[in-house]
Amino acid sequence: MKYLVSLGLLLTTGLANAVSYDCVVTKKLDFENVYQPAQMEKYKFSTRIHDSDKPKVDR
């Protein structure tokens, strides 16, 4: 039983350190365009930032 408690605490500690941030894009530019508000609403651009030992960004 005490091994299950120890395992549970280890898993909980690992999950507590994993943080993700969901960021809604409010202004989008590229070399040719500035996206209009209607396009921003239609395509709902967003970015997710995973904060961990090796941070990464998903689109």
PDB file of N, CA and C in Angstrom:
ATOM      1  N   MET A   1       0.824  -1.196   0.000  1.00  0.00           N
ATOM      2  CA  MET A   1       0.000   0.000   0.000  1.00  0.00           C
ATOM      3  C   MET A   1       0.870   1.264   0.000  1.00  0.00           C
ATOM      4  N   LYS A   2       1.943   1.257   0.824  1.00  0.00           N
ATOM      5  CA  LYS A   2       2.776   2.463   0.890  1.00  0.00           C
ATOM      6  C   LYS A   2       3.475   2.717  -0.447  1.00  0.00           C
ATOM      7  N   TYR A   3       3.696   1.657  -1.252  1.00  0.00           N
ATOM      8  CA  TYR A   3       4.300   1.847  -2.572  1.00  0.00           C
ATOM      9  C   TYR A   3       3.339   2.561  -3.517  1.00  0.00           C
ATOM     10  N   LEU A   4       2.061   2.257  -3.400  1.00  0.00           N
ATOM     11  CA  LEU A   4       1.077   2.946  -4.227  1.00  0.00           C
ATOM     12  C   LEU A   4       0.989   4.426  -3.865  1.00  0.00           C
ATOM     13  N   VAL A   5       1.065   4.731  -2.598  1.00  0.00           N
ATOM     14  CA  VAL A   5       1.032   6.120  -2.160  1.00  0.00           C
ATOM     15  C   VAL A   5       2.264   6.853  -2.679  1.00  0.00           C
ATOM     16  N   SER A   6       3.427   6.224  -2.582  1.00  0.00           N
ATOM     17  CA  SER A   6       4.661   6.842  -3.083  1.00  0.00           C
ATOM     18  C   SER A   6       4.585   7.078  -4.580  1.00  0.00           C
ATOM     19  N   LEU A   7       4.078   6.091  -5.317  1.00  0.00           N
ATOM     20  CA  LEU A   7       3.931   6.225  -6.761  1.00  0.00           C
ATOM     21  C   LEU A   7       2.964   7.360  -7.095  1.00  0.00           C
ATOM     22  N   GLY A   8       1.868   7.437  -6.374  1.00  0.00           N
ATOM     23  CA  GLY A   8       0.896   8.506  -6.591  1.00  0.00           C
ATOM     24  C   GLY A   8       1.493   9.884  -6.348  1.00  0.00           C
ATOM     25  N   LEU A   9       2.289  10.012  -5.293  1.00  0.00           N
ATOM     26  CA  LEU A   9       2.931  11.298  -5.005  1.00  0.00           C
ATOM     27  C   LEU A   9       3.934  11.676  -6.090  1.00  0.00           C
ATOM     28  N   LEU A  10       4.684  10.711  -6.601  1.00  0.00           N
ATOM     29  CA  LEU A  10       5.634  10.994  -7.674  1.00  0.00           C
ATOM     30  C   LEU A  10       4.923  11.465  -8.938  1.00  0.00           C
ATOM     31  N   LEU A  11       3.830  10.800  -9.292  1.00  0.00           N
ATOM     32  CA  LEU A  11       3.075  11.187 -10.480  1.00  0.00           C
ATOM     33  C   LEU A  11       2.447  12.560 -10.317  1.00  0.00           C
ATOM     34  N   THR A  12       1.921  12.840  -9.149  1.00  0.00           N
ATOM     35  CA  THR A  12       1.296  14.135  -8.885  1.00  0.00           C
ATOM     36  C   THR A  12       2.329  15.259  -8.957  1.00  0.00           C
ATOM     37  N   THR A  13       3.502  15.029  -8.417  1.00  0.00           N
ATOM     38  CA  THR A  13       4.559  16.034  -8.463  1.00  0.00           C
ATOM     39  C   THR A  13       4.968  16.325  -9.893  1.00  0.00           C
ATOM     40  N   GLY A  14       5.092  15.307 -10.729  1.00  0.00           N
ATOM     41  CA  GLY A  14       5.454  15.490 -12.129  1.00  0.00           C
ATOM     42  C   GLY A  14       4.403  16.270 -12.887  1.00  0.00           C
ATOM     43  N   LEU A  15       3.147  16.007 -12.629  1.00  0.00           N
ATOM     44  CA  LEU A  15       2.067  16.714 -13.317  1.00  0.00           C
ATOM     45  C   LEU A  15       1.952  18.158 -12.849  1.00  0.00           C
ATOM     46  N   ALA A  16       2.288  18.420 -11.604  1.00  0.00           N
ATOM     47  CA  ALA A  16       2.189  19.783 -11.079  1.00  0.00           C
ATOM     48  C   ALA A  16       3.188  20.709 -11.763  1.00  0.00           C
ATOM     49  N   ASN A  17       4.302  20.176 -12.216  1.00  0.00           N
ATOM     50  CA  ASN A  17       5.315  20.999 -12.866  1.00  0.00           C
ATOM     51  C   ASN A  17       5.032  21.215 -14.346  1.00  0.00           C
ATOM     52  N   ALA A  18       4.138  20.454 -14.939  1.00  0.00           N
ATOM     53  CA  ALA A  18       3.817  20.588 -16.358  1.00  0.00           C
ATOM     54  C   ALA A  18       2.731  21.646 -16.521  1.00  0.00           C
ATOM     55  N   VAL A  19       3.082  22.741 -17.180  1.00  0.00           N
ATOM     56  CA  VAL A  19       2.143  23.856 -17.357  1.00  0.00           C
ATOM     57  C   VAL A  19       2.032  24.154 -18.848  1.00  0.00           C
ATOM     58  N   SER A  20       0.821  24.406 -19.313  1.00  0.00           N
ATOM     59  CA  SER A  20       0.599  24.822 -20.698  1.00  0.00           C
ATOM     60  C   SER A  20      -0.197  26.122 -20.690  1.00  0.00           C
ATOM     61  N   TYR A  21       0.140  26.985 -21.627  1.00  0.00           N
ATOM     62  CA  TYR A  21      -0.559  28.253 -21.783  1.00  0.00           C
ATOM     63  C   TYR A  21      -1.206  28.286 -23.163  1.00  0.00           C
ATOM     64  N   ASP A  22      -2.504  28.534 -23.215  1.00  0.00           N
ATOM     65  CA  ASP A  22      -3.213  28.687 -24.484  1.00  0.00           C
ATOM     66  C   ASP A  22      -3.330  30.174 -24.783  1.00  0.00           C
ATOM     67  N   CYS A  23      -2.761  30.582 -25.911  1.00  0.00           N
ATOM     68  CA  CYS A  23      -2.727  31.997 -26.281  1.00  0.00           C
ATOM     69  C   CYS A  23      -3.524  32.215 -27.559  1.00  0.00           C
ATOM     70  N   VAL A  24      -4.537  33.070 -27.501  1.00  0.00           N
ATOM     71  CA  VAL A  24      -5.320  33.414 -28.674  1.00  0.00           C
ATOM     72  C   VAL A  24      -4.583  34.512 -29.424  1.00  0.00           C
ATOM     73  N   VAL A  25      -4.417  34.336 -30.721  1.00  0.00           N
ATOM     74  CA  VAL A  25      -3.725  35.318 -31.549  1.00  0.00           C
ATOM     75  C   VAL A  25      -4.669  36.476 -31.825  1.00  0.00           C
ATOM     76  N   THR A  26      -4.224  37.693 -31.533  1.00  0.00           N
ATOM     77  CA  THR A  26      -5.062  38.874 -31.744  1.00  0.00           C
ATOM     78  C   THR A  26      -4.598  39.718 -32.929  1.00  0.00           C
ATOM     79  N   LYS A  27      -3.375  39.494 -33.386  1.00  0.00           N
ATOM     80  CA  LYS A  27      -2.861  40.213 -34.549  1.00  0.00           C
ATOM     81  C   LYS A  27      -1.909  39.278 -35.285  1.00  0.00           C
ATOM     82  N   LYS A  28      -2.132  39.085 -36.592  1.00  0.00           N
ATOM     83  CA  LYS A  28      -1.311  38.163 -37.377  1.00  0.00           C
ATOM     84  C   LYS A  28      -0.803  38.880 -38.621  1.00  0.00           C
ATOM     85  N   LEU A  29       0.496  38.795 -38.828  1.00  0.00           N
ATOM     86  CA  LEU A  29       1.155  39.424 -39.972  1.00  0.00           C
ATOM     87  C   LEU A  29       1.989  38.368 -40.680  1.00  0.00           C
ATOM     88  N   ASP A  30       2.180  38.541 -41.964  1.00  0.00           N
ATOM     89  CA  ASP A  30       3.196  37.783 -42.683  1.00  0.00           C
ATOM     90  C   ASP A  30       3.840  38.727 -43.682  1.00  0.00           C
ATOM     91  N   PHE A  31       4.657  38.221 -44.567  1.00  0.00           N
ATOM     92  CA  PHE A  31       5.384  39.100 -45.482  1.00  0.00           C
ATOM     93  C   PHE A  31       4.468  39.838 -46.458  1.00  0.00           C
ATOM     94  N   GLU A  32       3.282  39.307 -46.712  1.00  0.00           N
ATOM     95  CA  GLU A  32       2.387  39.882 -47.711  1.00  0.00           C
ATOM     96  C   GLU A  32       1.077  40.423 -47.142  1.00  0.00           C
ATOM     97  N   ASN A  33       0.661  39.980 -45.961  1.00  0.00           N
ATOM     98  CA  ASN A  33      -0.680  40.286 -45.452  1.00  0.00           C
ATOM     99  C   ASN A  33      -0.657  40.797 -44.023  1.00  0.00           C
ATOM    100  N   VAL A  34      -1.692  41.574 -43.717  1.00  0.00           N
ATOM    101  CA  VAL A  34      -2.112  41.816 -42.348  1.00  0.00           C
ATOM    102  C   VAL A  34      -3.514  41.235 -42.297  1.00  0.00           C
ATOM    103  N   TYR A  35      -3.725  40.221 -41.475  1.00  0.00           N
ATOM    104  CA  TYR A  35      -5.012  39.532 -41.444  1.00  0.00           C
ATOM    105  C   TYR A  35      -6.086  40.425 -40.855  1.00  0.00           C
ATOM    106  N   GLN A  36      -7.253  40.406 -41.460  1.00  0.00           N
ATOM    107  CA  GLN A  36      -8.380  41.222 -41.045  1.00  0.00           C
ATOM    108  C   GLN A  36      -9.113  40.555 -39.877  1.00  0.00           C
ATOM    109  N   PRO A  37      -9.862  41.347 -39.084  1.00  0.00           N
ATOM    110  CA  PRO A  37     -10.597  40.778 -37.946  1.00  0.00           C
ATOM    111  C   PRO A  37     -11.530  39.623 -38.342  1.00  0.00           C
ATOM    112  N   ALA A  38     -12.159  39.698 -39.498  1.00  0.00           N
ATOM    113  CA  ALA A  38     -13.051  38.616 -39.943  1.00  0.00           C
ATOM    114  C   ALA A  38     -12.266  37.318 -40.155  1.00  0.00           C
ATOM    115  N   GLN A  39     -11.062  37.429 -40.710  1.00  0.00           N
ATOM    116  CA  GLN A  39     -10.221  36.239 -40.900  1.00  0.00           C
ATOM    117  C   GLN A  39      -9.761  35.676 -39.547  1.00  0.00           C
ATOM    118  N   MET A  40      -9.440  36.556 -38.627  1.00  0.00           N
ATOM    119  CA  MET A  40      -9.012  36.110 -37.301  1.00  0.00           C
ATOM    120  C   MET A  40     -10.137  35.345 -36.607  1.00  0.00           C
ATOM    121  N   GLU A  41     -11.357  35.837 -36.742  1.00  0.00           N
ATOM    122  CA  GLU A  41     -12.509  35.158 -36.137  1.00  0.00           C
ATOM    123  C   GLU A  41     -12.786  33.831 -36.832  1.00  0.00           C
ATOM    124  N   LYS A  42     -12.708  33.811 -38.153  1.00  0.00           N
ATOM    125  CA  LYS A  42     -13.015  32.606 -38.920  1.00  0.00           C
ATOM    126  C   LYS A  42     -12.026  31.478 -38.635  1.00  0.00           C
ATOM    127  N   TYR A  43     -10.738  31.787 -38.629  1.00  0.00           N
ATOM    128  CA  TYR A  43      -9.714  30.742 -38.497  1.00  0.00           C
ATOM    129  C   TYR A  43      -9.271  30.487 -37.061  1.00  0.00           C
ATOM    130  N   LYS A  44      -9.612  31.381 -36.144  1.00  0.00           N
ATOM    131  CA  LYS A  44      -9.330  31.215 -34.711  1.00  0.00           C
ATOM    132  C   LYS A  44      -7.887  30.755 -34.466  1.00  0.00           C
ATOM    133  N   PHE A  45      -6.940  31.559 -34.903  1.00  0.00           N
ATOM    134  CA  PHE A  45      -5.530  31.252 -34.713  1.00  0.00           C
ATOM    135  C   PHE A  45      -5.206  31.230 -33.219  1.00  0.00           C
ATOM    136  N   SER A  46      -4.386  30.278 -32.813  1.00  0.00           N
ATOM    137  CA  SER A  46      -3.961  30.215 -31.417  1.00  0.00           C
ATOM    138  C   SER A  46      -2.608  29.518 -31.335  1.00  0.00           C
ATOM    139  N   THR A  47      -1.996  29.663 -30.191  1.00  0.00           N
ATOM    140  CA  THR A  47      -0.711  29.048 -29.922  1.00  0.00           C
ATOM    141  C   THR A  47      -0.751  28.460 -28.527  1.00  0.00           C
ATOM    142  N   ARG A  48      -0.156  27.295 -28.349  1.00  0.00           N
ATOM    143  CA  ARG A  48      -0.056  26.681 -27.028  1.00  0.00           C
ATOM    144  C   ARG A  48       1.426  26.585 -26.675  1.00  0.00           C
ATOM    145  N   ILE A  49       1.774  27.101 -25.520  1.00  0.00           N
ATOM    146  CA  ILE A  49       3.147  27.060 -25.044  1.00  0.00           C
ATOM    147  C   ILE A  49       3.214  26.057 -23.905  1.00  0.00           C
ATOM    148  N   HIS A  50       4.068  25.055 -24.058  1.00  0.00           N
ATOM    149  CA  HIS A  50       4.270  24.041 -23.025  1.00  0.00           C
ATOM    150  C   HIS A  50       5.521  24.415 -22.244  1.00  0.00           C
ATOM    151  N   ASP A  51       5.353  24.704 -20.978  1.00  0.00           N
ATOM    152  CA  ASP A  51       6.463  25.098 -20.121  1.00  0.00           C
ATOM    153  C   ASP A  51       6.942  23.866 -19.364  1.00  0.00           C
ATOM    154  N   SER A  52       8.105  23.378 -19.713  1.00  0.00           N
ATOM    155  CA  SER A  52       8.677  22.204 -19.059  1.00  0.00           C
ATOM    156  C   SER A  52      10.189  22.306 -19.134  1.00  0.00           C
ATOM    157  N   ASP A  53      10.873  21.204 -18.923  1.00  0.00           N
ATOM    158  CA  ASP A  53      12.337  21.209 -19.023  1.00  0.00           C
ATOM    159  C   ASP A  53      12.790  21.614 -20.423  1.00  0.00           C
ATOM    160  N   LYS A  54      12.015  21.240 -21.430  1.00  0.00           N
ATOM    161  CA  LYS A  54      12.300  21.602 -22.819  1.00  0.00           C
ATOM    162  C   LYS A  54      11.058  22.277 -23.396  1.00  0.00           C
ATOM    163  N   PRO A  55      10.889  23.593 -23.158  1.00  0.00           N
ATOM    164  CA  PRO A  55       9.683  24.291 -23.636  1.00  0.00           C
ATOM    165  C   PRO A  55       9.511  24.167 -25.144  1.00  0.00           C
ATOM    166  N   LYS A  56       8.248  24.065 -25.576  1.00  0.00           N
ATOM    167  CA  LYS A  56       7.954  24.024 -27.009  1.00  0.00           C
ATOM    168  C   LYS A  56       6.660  24.759 -27.272  1.00  0.00           C
ATOM    169  N   VAL A  57       6.458  25.116 -28.542  1.00  0.00           N
ATOM    170  CA  VAL A  57       5.273  25.855 -28.948  1.00  0.00           C
ATOM    171  C   VAL A  57       4.541  25.027 -30.005  1.00  0.00           C
ATOM    172  N   ASP A  58       3.229  24.875 -29.841  1.00  0.00           N
ATOM    173  CA  ASP A  58       2.340  24.223 -30.821  1.00  0.00           C
ATOM    174  C   ASP A  58       1.431  25.275 -31.407  1.00  0.00           C
ATOM    175  N   ARG A  59       1.081  25.073 -32.673  1.00  0.00           N
ATOM    176  CA  ARG A  59       0.118  25.992 -33.305  1.00  0.00           C
ATOM    177  C   ARG A  59      -1.159  25.274 -33.615  1.00  0.00           C
TER     178      ARG A  59
END
